[in-house]
Amino acid sequence: MTALNFPTGPTLNQTYSNGTTSWYWDGTSWMSGGELGITGPTGASLTGPTGTTGPTGPTGPTGAPSTVTGPTGSTGPSVTGPTGAAMSTVDIYLSNLFYKQ
């Protein structure tokens, strides 16, 4: 028979096997668990369907203000509109008369 080499610092109900015999830790000492039988075949590995998605959680708090300056935006188009027609002195005089009434 092979020398027994029980684990140090076992946890409650931890098992130890050596050959065809097993032992379990009862919290105080190693107790005989009897003779081990043959290992049965591995069962089928089945995965069930995916469950429904849970509800969305609450919105988190607003973060601290940014200390990083963003990039400068692009310059708008440099377009000048057409020049209006020039007014004669008579046009200005008549225009003033019309609007002052």
Protein backbone atom coordinates (compact mmCIF):
# COMPACT_ATOMS: atom_id res chain seq x y z
CA MET A 1 0.00 0.00 0.00
CA THR A 2 1.16 3.51 -0.81
CA ALA A 3 2.05 5.84 2.08
CA LEU A 4 -0.78 8.20 3.00
CA ASN A 5 -0.12 11.87 2.40
CA PHE A 6 -3.14 13.76 3.79
CA PRO A 7 -3.44 17.43 2.80
CA THR A 8 -2.46 19.99 5.44
CA GLY A 9 -5.08 22.56 6.46
CA PRO A 10 -8.12 20.66 5.10
CA THR A 11 -11.60 22.19 4.96
CA LEU A 12 -14.71 20.59 6.43
CA ASN A 13 -15.85 17.56 4.38
CA GLN A 14 -12.82 17.75 2.08
CA THR A 15 -12.08 14.32 0.64
CA TYR A 16 -8.77 12.57 0.08
CA SER A 17 -8.34 9.42 -1.96
CA ASN A 18 -5.43 7.01 -2.13
CA GLY A 19 -5.81 4.02 -4.37
CA THR A 20 -9.31 2.62 -3.87
CA THR A 21 -9.90 4.09 -0.40
CA SER A 22 -11.19 7.56 0.44
CA TRP A 23 -11.26 9.63 3.60
CA TYR A 24 -13.07 12.86 4.52
CA TRP A 25 -12.17 15.57 7.03
CA ASP A 26 -14.83 15.91 9.77
CA GLY A 27 -13.32 19.10 11.21
CA THR A 28 -11.13 17.21 13.68
CA SER A 29 -9.72 14.15 11.95
CA TRP A 30 -9.70 12.19 8.71
CA MET A 31 -12.51 9.62 8.69
CA SER A 32 -12.66 6.59 6.41
CA GLY A 33 -15.14 7.01 3.60
CA GLY A 34 -14.87 3.38 2.52
CA GLU A 35 -13.83 1.78 -0.70
CA LEU A 36 -14.22 3.70 -3.94
CA GLY A 37 -16.21 2.16 -6.75
CA ILE A 38 -15.48 2.52 -10.40
CA THR A 39 -16.09 5.91 -11.98
CA GLY A 40 -19.17 6.03 -14.16
CA PRO A 41 -19.34 7.55 -17.63
CA THR A 42 -19.47 11.31 -18.01
CA GLY A 43 -22.98 12.59 -18.53
CA ALA A 44 -24.15 14.69 -21.46
CA SER A 45 -23.18 18.35 -21.37
CA LEU A 46 -26.41 20.21 -22.02
CA THR A 47 -27.07 23.92 -21.98
CA GLY A 48 -30.55 25.29 -21.52
CA PRO A 49 -32.05 28.17 -23.49
CA THR A 50 -30.95 31.73 -22.80
CA GLY A 51 -33.24 33.55 -20.41
CA THR A 52 -34.93 36.87 -21.07
CA THR A 53 -32.97 40.08 -20.72
CA GLY A 54 -33.40 41.77 -17.38
CA PRO A 55 -34.57 45.37 -16.89
CA THR A 56 -32.25 48.30 -17.54
CA GLY A 57 -30.67 49.65 -14.41
CA PRO A 58 -30.96 53.24 -13.20
CA THR A 59 -28.93 56.02 -14.80
CA GLY A 60 -25.73 56.72 -12.93
CA PRO A 61 -24.74 60.09 -11.49
CA THR A 62 -23.40 62.88 -13.70
CA GLY A 63 -19.64 62.94 -13.84
CA ALA A 64 -17.41 65.85 -12.88
CA PRO A 65 -16.99 68.70 -15.38
CA SER A 66 -14.28 68.14 -17.96
CA THR A 67 -10.96 69.85 -17.54
CA VAL A 68 -9.97 69.16 -21.14
CA THR A 69 -10.53 71.82 -23.80
CA GLY A 70 -12.12 70.44 -26.94
CA PRO A 71 -10.77 71.06 -30.42
CA THR A 72 -11.50 74.34 -32.20
CA GLY A 73 -14.23 74.06 -34.79
CA SER A 74 -13.62 74.76 -38.46
CA THR A 75 -13.95 78.29 -39.81
CA GLY A 76 -17.16 79.03 -41.69
CA PRO A 77 -17.25 79.94 -45.38
CA SER A 78 -15.77 83.31 -46.30
CA VAL A 79 -18.46 84.52 -48.69
CA THR A 80 -19.39 88.14 -49.33
CA GLY A 81 -22.80 88.91 -50.77
CA PRO A 82 -23.38 91.05 -53.84
CA THR A 83 -23.17 94.83 -53.53
CA GLY A 84 -26.50 96.67 -53.76
CA ALA A 85 -27.32 99.32 -56.33
CA ALA A 86 -26.02 102.80 -55.62
CA MET A 87 -28.65 105.43 -54.75
CA SER A 88 -28.58 108.90 -56.23
CA THR A 89 -29.12 112.01 -54.16
CA VAL A 90 -32.64 112.32 -55.58
CA ASP A 91 -33.44 108.73 -54.59
CA ILE A 92 -32.29 109.41 -51.04
CA TYR A 93 -34.33 112.65 -50.88
CA LEU A 94 -37.48 110.94 -52.13
CA SER A 95 -36.92 107.98 -49.86
CA ASN A 96 -36.68 110.28 -46.83
CA LEU A 97 -39.87 112.07 -47.81
CA PHE A 98 -41.79 108.83 -48.22
CA TYR A 99 -40.75 107.33 -44.88
CA LYS A 100 -41.17 110.52 -42.84
CA GLN A 101 -44.87 110.86 -43.68
